[in-house]
PDB file of N, CA and C in Angstrom:
ATOM      1  N   UNK A   1     133.611 123.690 -44.027  1.00  0.00           N
ATOM      2  CA  UNK A   1     134.218 122.377 -43.865  1.00  0.00           C
ATOM      3  C   UNK A   1     133.914 121.756 -42.492  1.00  0.00           C
ATOM      4  N   UNK A   2     133.794 122.600 -41.460  1.00  0.00           N
ATOM      5  CA  UNK A   2     133.541 122.057 -40.131  1.00  0.00           C
ATOM      6  C   UNK A   2     132.218 121.306 -40.098  1.00  0.00           C
ATOM      7  N   UNK A   3     131.240 121.741 -40.893  1.00  0.00           N
ATOM      8  CA  UNK A   3     129.955 121.054 -40.950  1.00  0.00           C
ATOM      9  C   UNK A   3     130.092 119.634 -41.463  1.00  0.00           C
ATOM     10  N   UNK A   4     130.895 119.454 -42.504  1.00  0.00           N
ATOM     11  CA  UNK A   4     131.113 118.124 -43.068  1.00  0.00           C
ATOM     12  C   UNK A   4     131.781 117.200 -42.055  1.00  0.00           C
ATOM     13  N   UNK A   5     132.814 117.685 -41.389  1.00  0.00           N
ATOM     14  CA  UNK A   5     133.518 116.875 -40.402  1.00  0.00           C
ATOM     15  C   UNK A   5     132.621 116.564 -39.210  1.00  0.00           C
ATOM     16  N   UNK A   6     131.801 117.511 -38.840  1.00  0.00           N
ATOM     17  CA  UNK A   6     130.863 117.284 -37.745  1.00  0.00           C
ATOM     18  C   UNK A   6     129.872 116.182 -38.077  1.00  0.00           C
ATOM     19  N   UNK A   7     129.352 116.208 -39.306  1.00  0.00           N
ATOM     20  CA  UNK A   7     128.410 115.167 -39.740  1.00  0.00           C
ATOM     21  C   UNK A   7     129.095 113.802 -39.794  1.00  0.00           C
ATOM     22  N   UNK A   8     130.339 113.766 -40.276  1.00  0.00           N
ATOM     23  CA  UNK A   8     131.074 112.505 -40.324  1.00  0.00           C
ATOM     24  C   UNK A   8     131.303 111.945 -38.920  1.00  0.00           C
ATOM     25  N   UNK A   9     131.673 112.818 -37.996  1.00  0.00           N
ATOM     26  CA  UNK A   9     131.910 112.390 -36.615  1.00  0.00           C
ATOM     27  C   UNK A   9     130.629 111.835 -36.005  1.00  0.00           C
ATOM     28  N   UNK A  10     129.507 112.505 -36.238  1.00  0.00           N
ATOM     29  CA  UNK A  10     128.217 112.036 -35.726  1.00  0.00           C
ATOM     30  C   UNK A  10     127.872 110.670 -36.308  1.00  0.00           C
ATOM     31  N   UNK A  11     128.083 110.500 -37.606  1.00  0.00           N
ATOM     32  CA  UNK A  11     127.807 109.220 -38.256  1.00  0.00           C
ATOM     33  C   UNK A  11     128.662 108.098 -37.666  1.00  0.00           C
ATOM     34  N   UNK A  12     129.931 108.387 -37.408  1.00  0.00           N
ATOM     35  CA  UNK A  12     130.816 107.376 -36.809  1.00  0.00           C
ATOM     36  C   UNK A  12     130.346 106.988 -35.419  1.00  0.00           C
ATOM     37  N   UNK A  13     129.913 107.966 -34.636  1.00  0.00           N
ATOM     38  CA  UNK A  13     129.444 107.675 -33.285  1.00  0.00           C
ATOM     39  C   UNK A  13     128.182 106.826 -33.313  1.00  0.00           C
ATOM     40  N   UNK A  14     127.280 107.107 -34.258  1.00  0.00           N
ATOM     41  CA  UNK A  14     126.049 106.331 -34.381  1.00  0.00           C
ATOM     42  C   UNK A  14     126.363 104.894 -34.773  1.00  0.00           C
ATOM     43  N   UNK A  15     127.264 104.715 -35.714  1.00  0.00           N
ATOM     44  CA  UNK A  15     127.607 103.362 -36.175  1.00  0.00           C
ATOM     45  C   UNK A  15     128.190 102.515 -35.062  1.00  0.00           C
ATOM     46  N   UNK A  16     128.920 103.112 -34.140  1.00  0.00           N
ATOM     47  CA  UNK A  16     129.511 102.347 -33.049  1.00  0.00           C
ATOM     48  C   UNK A  16     128.459 101.839 -32.078  1.00  0.00           C
ATOM     49  N   UNK A  17     127.280 102.479 -32.033  1.00  0.00           N
ATOM     50  CA  UNK A  17     126.242 102.098 -31.084  1.00  0.00           C
ATOM     51  C   UNK A  17     125.226 101.126 -31.661  1.00  0.00           C
ATOM     52  N   UNK A  18     125.420 100.665 -32.864  1.00  0.00           N
ATOM     53  CA  UNK A  18     124.465  99.759 -33.495  1.00  0.00           C
ATOM     54  C   UNK A  18     124.386  98.460 -32.706  1.00  0.00           C
ATOM     55  N   UNK A  19     123.147  98.063 -32.413  1.00  0.00           N
ATOM     56  CA  UNK A  19     122.939  96.802 -31.708  1.00  0.00           C
ATOM     57  C   UNK A  19     122.779  95.673 -32.702  1.00  0.00           C
ATOM     58  N   UNK A  20     122.646  94.501 -32.176  1.00  0.00           N
ATOM     59  CA  UNK A  20     122.441  93.328 -33.011  1.00  0.00           C
ATOM     60  C   UNK A  20     123.662  92.442 -32.969  1.00  0.00           C
ATOM     61  N   UNK A  21     123.484  91.242 -33.436  1.00  0.00           N
ATOM     62  CA  UNK A  21     124.587  90.293 -33.413  1.00  0.00           C
ATOM     63  C   UNK A  21     125.224  90.240 -34.799  1.00  0.00           C
ATOM     64  N   UNK A  22     126.523  90.209 -34.801  1.00  0.00           N
ATOM     65  CA  UNK A  22     127.289  90.096 -36.037  1.00  0.00           C
ATOM     66  C   UNK A  22     127.909  88.697 -36.083  1.00  0.00           C
ATOM     67  N   UNK A  23     128.394  88.281 -37.238  1.00  0.00           N
ATOM     68  CA  UNK A  23     129.061  86.972 -37.297  1.00  0.00           C
ATOM     69  C   UNK A  23     130.201  86.847 -36.294  1.00  0.00           C
ATOM     70  N   UNK A  24     130.937  87.912 -36.084  1.00  0.00           N
ATOM     71  CA  UNK A  24     132.035  87.881 -35.112  1.00  0.00           C
ATOM     72  C   UNK A  24     131.509  87.667 -33.703  1.00  0.00           C
ATOM     73  N   UNK A  25     130.424  88.382 -33.359  1.00  0.00           N
ATOM     74  CA  UNK A  25     129.811  88.199 -32.038  1.00  0.00           C
ATOM     75  C   UNK A  25     129.366  86.756 -31.853  1.00  0.00           C
ATOM     76  N   UNK A  26     128.772  86.193 -32.891  1.00  0.00           N
ATOM     77  CA  UNK A  26     128.272  84.818 -32.831  1.00  0.00           C
ATOM     78  C   UNK A  26     129.412  83.845 -32.542  1.00  0.00           C
ATOM     79  N   UNK A  27     130.539  84.040 -33.195  1.00  0.00           N
ATOM     80  CA  UNK A  27     131.685  83.162 -32.969  1.00  0.00           C
ATOM     81  C   UNK A  27     132.265  83.315 -31.565  1.00  0.00           C
ATOM     82  N   UNK A  28     132.136  84.508 -30.989  1.00  0.00           N
ATOM     83  CA  UNK A  28     132.675  84.766 -29.655  1.00  0.00           C
ATOM     84  C   UNK A  28     131.785  84.249 -28.526  1.00  0.00           C
ATOM     85  N   UNK A  29     130.547  83.892 -28.842  1.00  0.00           N
ATOM     86  CA  UNK A  29     129.626  83.423 -27.806  1.00  0.00           C
ATOM     87  C   UNK A  29     129.997  82.027 -27.325  1.00  0.00           C
ATOM     88  N   UNK A  30     129.703  81.737 -26.057  1.00  0.00           N
ATOM     89  CA  UNK A  30     129.857  80.357 -25.581  1.00  0.00           C
ATOM     90  C   UNK A  30     128.937  79.443 -26.394  1.00  0.00           C
ATOM     91  N   UNK A  31     129.295  78.196 -26.497  1.00  0.00           N
ATOM     92  CA  UNK A  31     128.585  77.228 -27.335  1.00  0.00           C
ATOM     93  C   UNK A  31     127.088  77.188 -27.063  1.00  0.00           C
ATOM     94  N   UNK A  32     126.668  77.180 -25.801  1.00  0.00           N
ATOM     95  CA  UNK A  32     125.242  77.084 -25.472  1.00  0.00           C
ATOM     96  C   UNK A  32     124.465  78.293 -25.973  1.00  0.00           C
ATOM     97  N   UNK A  33     125.037  79.488 -25.811  1.00  0.00           N
ATOM     98  CA  UNK A  33     124.357  80.693 -26.280  1.00  0.00           C
ATOM     99  C   UNK A  33     124.328  80.740 -27.803  1.00  0.00           C
ATOM    100  N   UNK A  34     125.409  80.322 -28.424  1.00  0.00           N
ATOM    101  CA  UNK A  34     125.474  80.289 -29.891  1.00  0.00           C
ATOM    102  C   UNK A  34     124.409  79.342 -30.437  1.00  0.00           C
ATOM    103  N   UNK A  35     124.214  78.231 -29.754  1.00  0.00           N
ATOM    104  CA  UNK A  35     123.210  77.251 -30.179  1.00  0.00           C
ATOM    105  C   UNK A  35     121.804  77.865 -30.155  1.00  0.00           C
ATOM    106  N   UNK A  36     121.500  78.624 -29.114  1.00  0.00           N
ATOM    107  CA  UNK A  36     120.190  79.282 -29.026  1.00  0.00           C
ATOM    108  C   UNK A  36     120.002  80.244 -30.186  1.00  0.00           C
ATOM    109  N   UNK A  37     120.996  81.092 -30.433  1.00  0.00           N
ATOM    110  CA  UNK A  37     120.915  82.067 -31.528  1.00  0.00           C
ATOM    111  C   UNK A  37     120.735  81.345 -32.867  1.00  0.00           C
ATOM    112  N   UNK A  38     121.507  80.307 -33.098  1.00  0.00           N
ATOM    113  CA  UNK A  38     121.420  79.573 -34.366  1.00  0.00           C
ATOM    114  C   UNK A  38     120.037  78.959 -34.580  1.00  0.00           C
ATOM    115  N   UNK A  39     119.474  78.384 -33.536  1.00  0.00           N
ATOM    116  CA  UNK A  39     118.149  77.765 -33.654  1.00  0.00           C
ATOM    117  C   UNK A  39     117.082  78.815 -33.939  1.00  0.00           C
ATOM    118  N   UNK A  40     117.125  79.916 -33.220  1.00  0.00           N
ATOM    119  CA  UNK A  40     116.145  80.986 -33.444  1.00  0.00           C
ATOM    120  C   UNK A  40     116.318  81.573 -34.848  1.00  0.00           C
ATOM    121  N   UNK A  41     117.558  81.735 -35.274  1.00  0.00           N
ATOM    122  CA  UNK A  41     117.822  82.292 -36.596  1.00  0.00           C
ATOM    123  C   UNK A  41     117.265  81.369 -37.690  1.00  0.00           C
ATOM    124  N   UNK A  42     117.461  80.065 -37.541  1.00  0.00           N
ATOM    125  CA  UNK A  42     116.976  79.113 -38.546  1.00  0.00           C
ATOM    126  C   UNK A  42     115.450  79.102 -38.635  1.00  0.00           C
ATOM    127  N   UNK A  43     114.795  79.230 -37.490  1.00  0.00           N
ATOM    128  CA  UNK A  43     113.328  79.186 -37.461  1.00  0.00           C
ATOM    129  C   UNK A  43     112.699  80.558 -37.733  1.00  0.00           C
ATOM    130  N   UNK A  44     113.502  81.580 -37.806  1.00  0.00           N
ATOM    131  CA  UNK A  44     113.086  82.981 -38.010  1.00  0.00           C
ATOM    132  C   UNK A  44     112.520  83.602 -36.741  1.00  0.00           C
ATOM    133  N   UNK A  45     111.647  82.916 -36.052  1.00  0.00           N
ATOM    134  CA  UNK A  45     111.159  83.368 -34.755  1.00  0.00           C
ATOM    135  C   UNK A  45     110.639  82.161 -33.995  1.00  0.00           C
ATOM    136  N   UNK A  46     110.731  82.235 -32.659  1.00  0.00           N
ATOM    137  CA  UNK A  46     110.306  81.110 -31.832  1.00  0.00           C
ATOM    138  C   UNK A  46     109.708  81.616 -30.531  1.00  0.00           C
ATOM    139  N   UNK A  47     108.800  80.836 -29.984  1.00  0.00           N
ATOM    140  CA  UNK A  47     108.236  81.135 -28.672  1.00  0.00           C
ATOM    141  C   UNK A  47     109.110  80.498 -27.598  1.00  0.00           C
ATOM    142  N   UNK A  48     108.882  80.898 -26.373  1.00  0.00           N
ATOM    143  CA  UNK A  48     109.596  80.290 -25.244  1.00  0.00           C
ATOM    144  C   UNK A  48     109.319  78.781 -25.210  1.00  0.00           C
ATOM    145  N   UNK A  49     108.094  78.400 -25.436  1.00  0.00           N
ATOM    146  CA  UNK A  49     107.730  76.976 -25.437  1.00  0.00           C
ATOM    147  C   UNK A  49     108.514  76.213 -26.488  1.00  0.00           C
ATOM    148  N   UNK A  50     108.606  76.786 -27.690  1.00  0.00           N
ATOM    149  CA  UNK A  50     109.362  76.131 -28.764  1.00  0.00           C
ATOM    150  C   UNK A  50     110.837  75.981 -28.391  1.00  0.00           C
ATOM    151  N   UNK A  51     111.391  77.010 -27.793  1.00  0.00           N
ATOM    152  CA  UNK A  51     112.809  76.984 -27.426  1.00  0.00           C
ATOM    153  C   UNK A  51     113.061  75.968 -26.321  1.00  0.00           C
ATOM    154  N   UNK A  52     112.174  75.921 -25.343  1.00  0.00           N
ATOM    155  CA  UNK A  52     112.288  74.929 -24.261  1.00  0.00           C
ATOM    156  C   UNK A  52     112.280  73.523 -24.843  1.00  0.00           C
ATOM    157  N   UNK A  53     111.349  73.251 -25.748  1.00  0.00           N
ATOM    158  CA  UNK A  53     111.244  71.933 -26.367  1.00  0.00           C
ATOM    159  C   UNK A  53     112.478  71.622 -27.220  1.00  0.00           C
ATOM    160  N   UNK A  54     112.878  72.574 -28.056  1.00  0.00           N
ATOM    161  CA  UNK A  54     113.989  72.362 -28.994  1.00  0.00           C
ATOM    162  C   UNK A  54     115.319  72.131 -28.264  1.00  0.00           C
ATOM    163  N   UNK A  55     115.540  72.854 -27.177  1.00  0.00           N
ATOM    164  CA  UNK A  55     116.820  72.773 -26.468  1.00  0.00           C
ATOM    165  C   UNK A  55     116.779  71.860 -25.245  1.00  0.00           C
ATOM    166  N   UNK A  56     115.600  71.309 -24.941  1.00  0.00           N
ATOM    167  CA  UNK A  56     115.440  70.428 -23.794  1.00  0.00           C
ATOM    168  C   UNK A  56     115.913  71.114 -22.502  1.00  0.00           C
ATOM    169  N   UNK A  57     115.364  72.299 -22.266  1.00  0.00           N
ATOM    170  CA  UNK A  57     115.687  73.083 -21.072  1.00  0.00           C
ATOM    171  C   UNK A  57     114.450  73.235 -20.202  1.00  0.00           C
ATOM    172  N   UNK A  58     114.671  73.556 -18.939  1.00  0.00           N
ATOM    173  CA  UNK A  58     113.554  73.952 -18.079  1.00  0.00           C
ATOM    174  C   UNK A  58     113.155  75.368 -18.485  1.00  0.00           C
ATOM    175  N   UNK A  59     111.891  75.724 -18.361  1.00  0.00           N
ATOM    176  CA  UNK A  59     111.460  77.070 -18.749  1.00  0.00           C
ATOM    177  C   UNK A  59     112.248  78.189 -18.063  1.00  0.00           C
ATOM    178  N   UNK A  60     112.594  77.990 -16.800  1.00  0.00           N
ATOM    179  CA  UNK A  60     113.345  79.023 -16.083  1.00  0.00           C
ATOM    180  C   UNK A  60     114.756  79.198 -16.665  1.00  0.00           C
ATOM    181  N   UNK A  61     115.367  78.092 -17.057  1.00  0.00           N
ATOM    182  CA  UNK A  61     116.700  78.159 -17.687  1.00  0.00           C
ATOM    183  C   UNK A  61     116.622  78.862 -19.039  1.00  0.00           C
ATOM    184  N   UNK A  62     115.623  78.476 -19.823  1.00  0.00           N
ATOM    185  CA  UNK A  62     115.460  79.088 -21.142  1.00  0.00           C
ATOM    186  C   UNK A  62     115.192  80.576 -21.012  1.00  0.00           C
ATOM    187  N   UNK A  63     114.339  80.951 -20.077  1.00  0.00           N
ATOM    188  CA  UNK A  63     114.006  82.368 -19.869  1.00  0.00           C
ATOM    189  C   UNK A  63     115.271  83.156 -19.492  1.00  0.00           C
ATOM    190  N   UNK A  64     116.100  82.585 -18.628  1.00  0.00           N
ATOM    191  CA  UNK A  64     117.336  83.250 -18.208  1.00  0.00           C
ATOM    192  C   UNK A  64     118.271  83.490 -19.401  1.00  0.00           C
ATOM    193  N   UNK A  65     118.446  82.480 -20.238  1.00  0.00           N
ATOM    194  CA  UNK A  65     119.304  82.593 -21.421  1.00  0.00           C
ATOM    195  C   UNK A  65     118.729  83.616 -22.394  1.00  0.00           C
ATOM    196  N   UNK A  66     117.421  83.533 -22.629  1.00  0.00           N
ATOM    197  CA  UNK A  66     116.777  84.452 -23.563  1.00  0.00           C
ATOM    198  C   UNK A  66     116.854  85.896 -23.070  1.00  0.00           C
ATOM    199  N   UNK A  67     116.644  86.098 -21.772  1.00  0.00           N
ATOM    200  CA  UNK A  67     116.752  87.452 -21.210  1.00  0.00           C
ATOM    201  C   UNK A  67     118.154  88.013 -21.394  1.00  0.00           C
ATOM    202  N   UNK A  68     119.158  87.179 -21.208  1.00  0.00           N
ATOM    203  CA  UNK A  68     120.542  87.604 -21.403  1.00  0.00           C
ATOM    204  C   UNK A  68     120.773  88.031 -22.857  1.00  0.00           C
ATOM    205  N   UNK A  69     120.288  87.230 -23.791  1.00  0.00           N
ATOM    206  CA  UNK A  69     120.478  87.537 -25.211  1.00  0.00           C
ATOM    207  C   UNK A  69     119.680  88.765 -25.646  1.00  0.00           C
ATOM    208  N   UNK A  70     118.524  88.972 -25.034  1.00  0.00           N
ATOM    209  CA  UNK A  70     117.747  90.185 -25.315  1.00  0.00           C
ATOM    210  C   UNK A  70     118.480  91.401 -24.755  1.00  0.00           C
ATOM    211  N   UNK A  71     118.999  91.280 -23.520  1.00  0.00           N
ATOM    212  CA  UNK A  71     119.751  92.385 -22.905  1.00  0.00           C
ATOM    213  C   UNK A  71     120.972  92.772 -23.735  1.00  0.00           C
ATOM    214  N   UNK A  72     121.625  91.793 -24.336  1.00  0.00           N
ATOM    215  CA  UNK A  72     122.797  92.064 -25.168  1.00  0.00           C
ATOM    216  C   UNK A  72     122.408  92.669 -26.513  1.00  0.00           C
ATOM    217  N   UNK A  73     121.120  92.611 -26.857  1.00  0.00           N
ATOM    218  CA  UNK A  73     120.661  93.146 -28.132  1.00  0.00           C
ATOM    219  C   UNK A  73     120.741  92.145 -29.268  1.00  0.00           C
ATOM    220  N   UNK A  74     120.961  90.863 -28.941  1.00  0.00           N
ATOM    221  CA  UNK A  74     121.092  89.833 -29.960  1.00  0.00           C
ATOM    222  C   UNK A  74     119.754  89.247 -30.381  1.00  0.00           C
ATOM    223  N   UNK A  75     118.782  89.279 -29.482  1.00  0.00           N
ATOM    224  CA  UNK A  75     117.434  88.826 -29.784  1.00  0.00           C
ATOM    225  C   UNK A  75     116.465  89.957 -29.494  1.00  0.00           C
ATOM    226  N   UNK A  76     115.378  89.970 -30.222  1.00  0.00           N
ATOM    227  CA  UNK A  76     114.273  90.887 -29.954  1.00  0.00           C
ATOM    228  C   UNK A  76     113.102  90.049 -29.502  1.00  0.00           C
ATOM    229  N   UNK A  77     112.340  90.590 -28.577  1.00  0.00           N
ATOM    230  CA  UNK A  77     111.162  89.899 -28.080  1.00  0.00           C
ATOM    231  C   UNK A  77     109.939  90.744 -28.443  1.00  0.00           C
ATOM    232  N   UNK A  78     108.889  90.075 -28.881  1.00  0.00           N
ATOM    233  CA  UNK A  78     107.642  90.751 -29.216  1.00  0.00           C
ATOM    234  C   UNK A  78     106.505  89.784 -28.946  1.00  0.00           C
ATOM    235  N   UNK A  79     105.283  90.298 -28.955  1.00  0.00           N
ATOM    236  CA  UNK A  79     104.145  89.472 -28.603  1.00  0.00           C
ATOM    237  C   UNK A  79     103.286  89.194 -29.830  1.00  0.00           C
ATOM    238  N   UNK A  80     102.889  87.937 -29.977  1.00  0.00           N
ATOM    239  CA  UNK A  80     101.978  87.518 -31.037  1.00  0.00           C
ATOM    240  C   UNK A  80     100.888  86.675 -30.386  1.00  0.00           C
ATOM    241  N   UNK A  81      99.657  87.120 -30.507  1.00  0.00           N
ATOM    242  CA  UNK A  81      98.512  86.403 -29.925  1.00  0.00           C
ATOM    243  C   UNK A  81      98.731  86.086 -28.449  1.00  0.00           C
ATOM    244  N   UNK A  82      99.259  87.041 -27.717  1.00  0.00           N
ATOM    245  CA  UNK A  82      99.447  86.884 -26.281  1.00  0.00           C
ATOM    246  C   UNK A  82     100.647  86.058 -25.865  1.00  0.00           C
ATOM    247  N   UNK A  83     101.461  85.625 -26.815  1.00  0.00           N
ATOM    248  CA  UNK A  83     102.633  84.817 -26.489  1.00  0.00           C
ATOM    249  C   UNK A  83     103.900  85.529 -26.955  1.00  0.00           C
ATOM    250  N   UNK A  84     104.896  85.526 -26.091  1.00  0.00           N
ATOM    251  CA  UNK A  84     106.169  86.154 -26.448  1.00  0.00           C
ATOM    252  C   UNK A  84     106.883  85.332 -27.506  1.00  0.00           C
ATOM    253  N   UNK A  85     107.393  86.028 -28.500  1.00  0.00           N
ATOM    254  CA  UNK A  85     108.174  85.419 -29.578  1.00  0.00           C
ATOM    255  C   UNK A  85     109.555  86.049 -29.577  1.00  0.00           C
ATOM    256  N   UNK A  86     110.550  85.288 -29.958  1.00  0.00           N
ATOM    257  CA  UNK A  86     111.930  85.766 -30.015  1.00  0.00           C
ATOM    258  C   UNK A  86     112.419  85.689 -31.454  1.00  0.00           C
ATOM    259  N   UNK A  87     113.150  86.704 -31.841  1.00  0.00           N
ATOM    260  CA  UNK A  87     113.687  86.768 -33.195  1.00  0.00           C
ATOM    261  C   UNK A  87     115.114  87.306 -33.114  1.00  0.00           C
ATOM    262  N   UNK A  88     115.993  86.744 -33.915  1.00  0.00           N
ATOM    263  CA  UNK A  88     117.380  87.201 -33.939  1.00  0.00           C
ATOM    264  C   UNK A  88     117.445  88.591 -34.551  1.00  0.00           C
ATOM    265  N   UNK A  89     118.216  89.456 -33.925  1.00  0.00           N
ATOM    266  CA  UNK A  89     118.404  90.805 -34.437  1.00  0.00           C
ATOM    267  C   UNK A  89     119.832  90.903 -34.960  1.00  0.00           C
ATOM    268  N   UNK A  90     119.950  90.920 -36.269  1.00  0.00           N
ATOM    269  CA  UNK A  90     121.265  90.963 -36.900  1.00  0.00           C
ATOM    270  C   UNK A  90     121.744  92.403 -37.003  1.00  0.00           C
ATOM    271  N   UNK A  91     122.964  92.627 -36.550  1.00  0.00           N
ATOM    272  CA  UNK A  91     123.543  93.955 -36.599  1.00  0.00           C
ATOM    273  C   UNK A  91     124.412  94.131 -37.819  1.00  0.00           C
ATOM    274  N   UNK A  92     124.647  95.377 -38.131  1.00  0.00           N
ATOM    275  CA  UNK A  92     125.571  95.664 -39.220  1.00  0.00           C
ATOM    276  C   UNK A  92     126.994  95.478 -38.716  1.00  0.00           C
ATOM    277  N   UNK A  93     127.883  95.277 -39.662  1.00  0.00           N
ATOM    278  CA  UNK A  93     129.283  95.156 -39.299  1.00  0.00           C
ATOM    279  C   UNK A  93     129.733  96.459 -38.646  1.00  0.00           C
ATOM    280  N   UNK A  94     130.426  96.339 -37.555  1.00  0.00           N
ATOM    281  CA  UNK A  94     130.889  97.533 -36.838  1.00  0.00           C
ATOM    282  C   UNK A  94     132.027  98.194 -37.591  1.00  0.00           C
ATOM    283  N   UNK A  95     132.025  99.503 -37.487  1.00  0.00           N
ATOM    284  CA  UNK A  95     133.088 100.261 -38.136  1.00  0.00           C
ATOM    285  C   UNK A  95     134.422  99.968 -37.458  1.00  0.00           C
ATOM    286  N   UNK A  96     135.463 100.034 -38.237  1.00  0.00           N
ATOM    287  CA  UNK A  96     136.799  99.847 -37.662  1.00  0.00           C
ATOM    288  C   UNK A  96     137.151 101.056 -36.810  1.00  0.00           C
ATOM    289  N   UNK A  97     138.112 100.872 -35.923  1.00  0.00           N
ATOM    290  CA  UNK A  97     138.572 101.990 -35.111  1.00  0.00           C
ATOM    291  C   UNK A  97     139.194 103.040 -36.014  1.00  0.00           C
ATOM    292  N   UNK A  98     138.788 104.268 -35.805  1.00  0.00           N
ATOM    293  CA  UNK A  98     139.300 105.380 -36.597  1.00  0.00           C
ATOM    294  C   UNK A  98     140.409 106.047 -35.794  1.00  0.00           C
ATOM    295  N   UNK A  99     141.559 106.282 -36.415  1.00  0.00           N
ATOM    296  CA  UNK A  99     142.643 106.925 -35.682  1.00  0.00           C
ATOM    297  C   UNK A  99     142.224 108.314 -35.203  1.00  0.00           C
ATOM    298  N   UNK A 100     142.727 108.708 -34.025  1.00  0.00           N
ATOM    299  CA  UNK A 100     142.357 109.996 -33.460  1.00  0.00           C
ATOM    300  C   UNK A 100     142.796 111.176 -34.320  1.00  0.00           C
ATOM    301  N   UNK A 101     143.847 111.013 -35.086  1.00  0.00           N
ATOM    302  CA  UNK A 101     144.343 112.125 -35.894  1.00  0.00           C
ATOM    303  C   UNK A 101     143.754 112.135 -37.312  1.00  0.00           C
ATOM    304  N   UNK A 102     142.628 111.456 -37.508  1.00  0.00           N
ATOM    305  CA  UNK A 102     142.044 111.399 -38.851  1.00  0.00           C
ATOM    306  C   UNK A 102     141.650 112.775 -39.354  1.00  0.00           C
ATOM    307  N   UNK A 103     141.132 113.642 -38.467  1.00  0.00           N
ATOM    308  CA  UNK A 103     140.706 114.971 -38.909  1.00  0.00           C
ATOM    309  C   UNK A 103     141.909 115.784 -39.354  1.00  0.00           C
ATOM    310  N   UNK A 104     143.035 115.651 -38.653  1.00  0.00           N
ATOM    311  CA  UNK A 104     144.253 116.356 -39.073  1.00  0.00           C
ATOM    312  C   UNK A 104     144.702 115.868 -40.439  1.00  0.00           C
ATOM    313  N   UNK A 105     144.663 114.569 -40.638  1.00  0.00           N
ATOM    314  CA  UNK A 105     145.085 114.005 -41.927  1.00  0.00           C
ATOM    315  C   UNK A 105     144.165 114.481 -43.052  1.00  0.00           C
ATOM    316  N   UNK A 106     142.870 114.505 -42.815  1.00  0.00           N
ATOM    317  CA  UNK A 106     141.942 114.982 -43.829  1.00  0.00           C
ATOM    318  C   UNK A 106     142.131 116.457 -44.111  1.00  0.00           C
ATOM    319  N   UNK A 107     142.328 117.242 -43.064  1.00  0.00           N
ATOM    320  CA  UNK A 107     142.532 118.680 -43.241  1.00  0.00           C
ATOM    321  C   UNK A 107     143.805 118.959 -44.037  1.00  0.00           C
ATOM    322  N   UNK A 108     144.860 118.226 -43.733  1.00  0.00           N
ATOM    323  CA  UNK A 108     146.109 118.451 -44.454  1.00  0.00           C
ATOM    324  C   UNK A 108     145.982 118.040 -45.925  1.00  0.00           C
ATOM    325  N   UNK A 109     145.194 117.019 -46.212  1.00  0.00           N
ATOM    326  CA  UNK A 109     144.979 116.609 -47.607  1.00  0.00           C
ATOM    327  C   UNK A 109     144.163 117.663 -48.380  1.00  0.00           C
ATOM    328  N   UNK A 110     143.194 118.253 -47.673  1.00  0.00           N
ATOM    329  CA  UNK A 110     142.330 119.245 -48.325  1.00  0.00           C
ATOM    330  C   UNK A 110     142.979 120.633 -48.409  1.00  0.00           C
ATOM    331  N   UNK A 111     143.824 120.918 -47.426  1.00  0.00           N
ATOM    332  CA  UNK A 111     144.376 122.270 -47.313  1.00  0.00           C
ATOM    333  C   UNK A 111     145.666 122.418 -47.994  1.00  0.00           C
TER     334      UNK A 111
END
């Protein structure tokens, strides 16, 4: 039985570390950051040039916002034909908090 509980605990720990943006995260973002995510999501992927044009920002401002969103794990950056492209990285819904005494409750149900 300890093997099963160990695997469950490992799975729970992995699920808590999942990156990406969820609908809840999107709602919690400040309006300007949410706007960037929404535009990139609608276009599927965008270059820095496209984002600068679409949002009417200076390149340095756009780069700062994009770097922040990449650091948070909400956007992924990759290169296509020598140009950086940004794509929204959608995360899975995060697991709910599991009570600390869950293993005791499960053991008592099984035992």
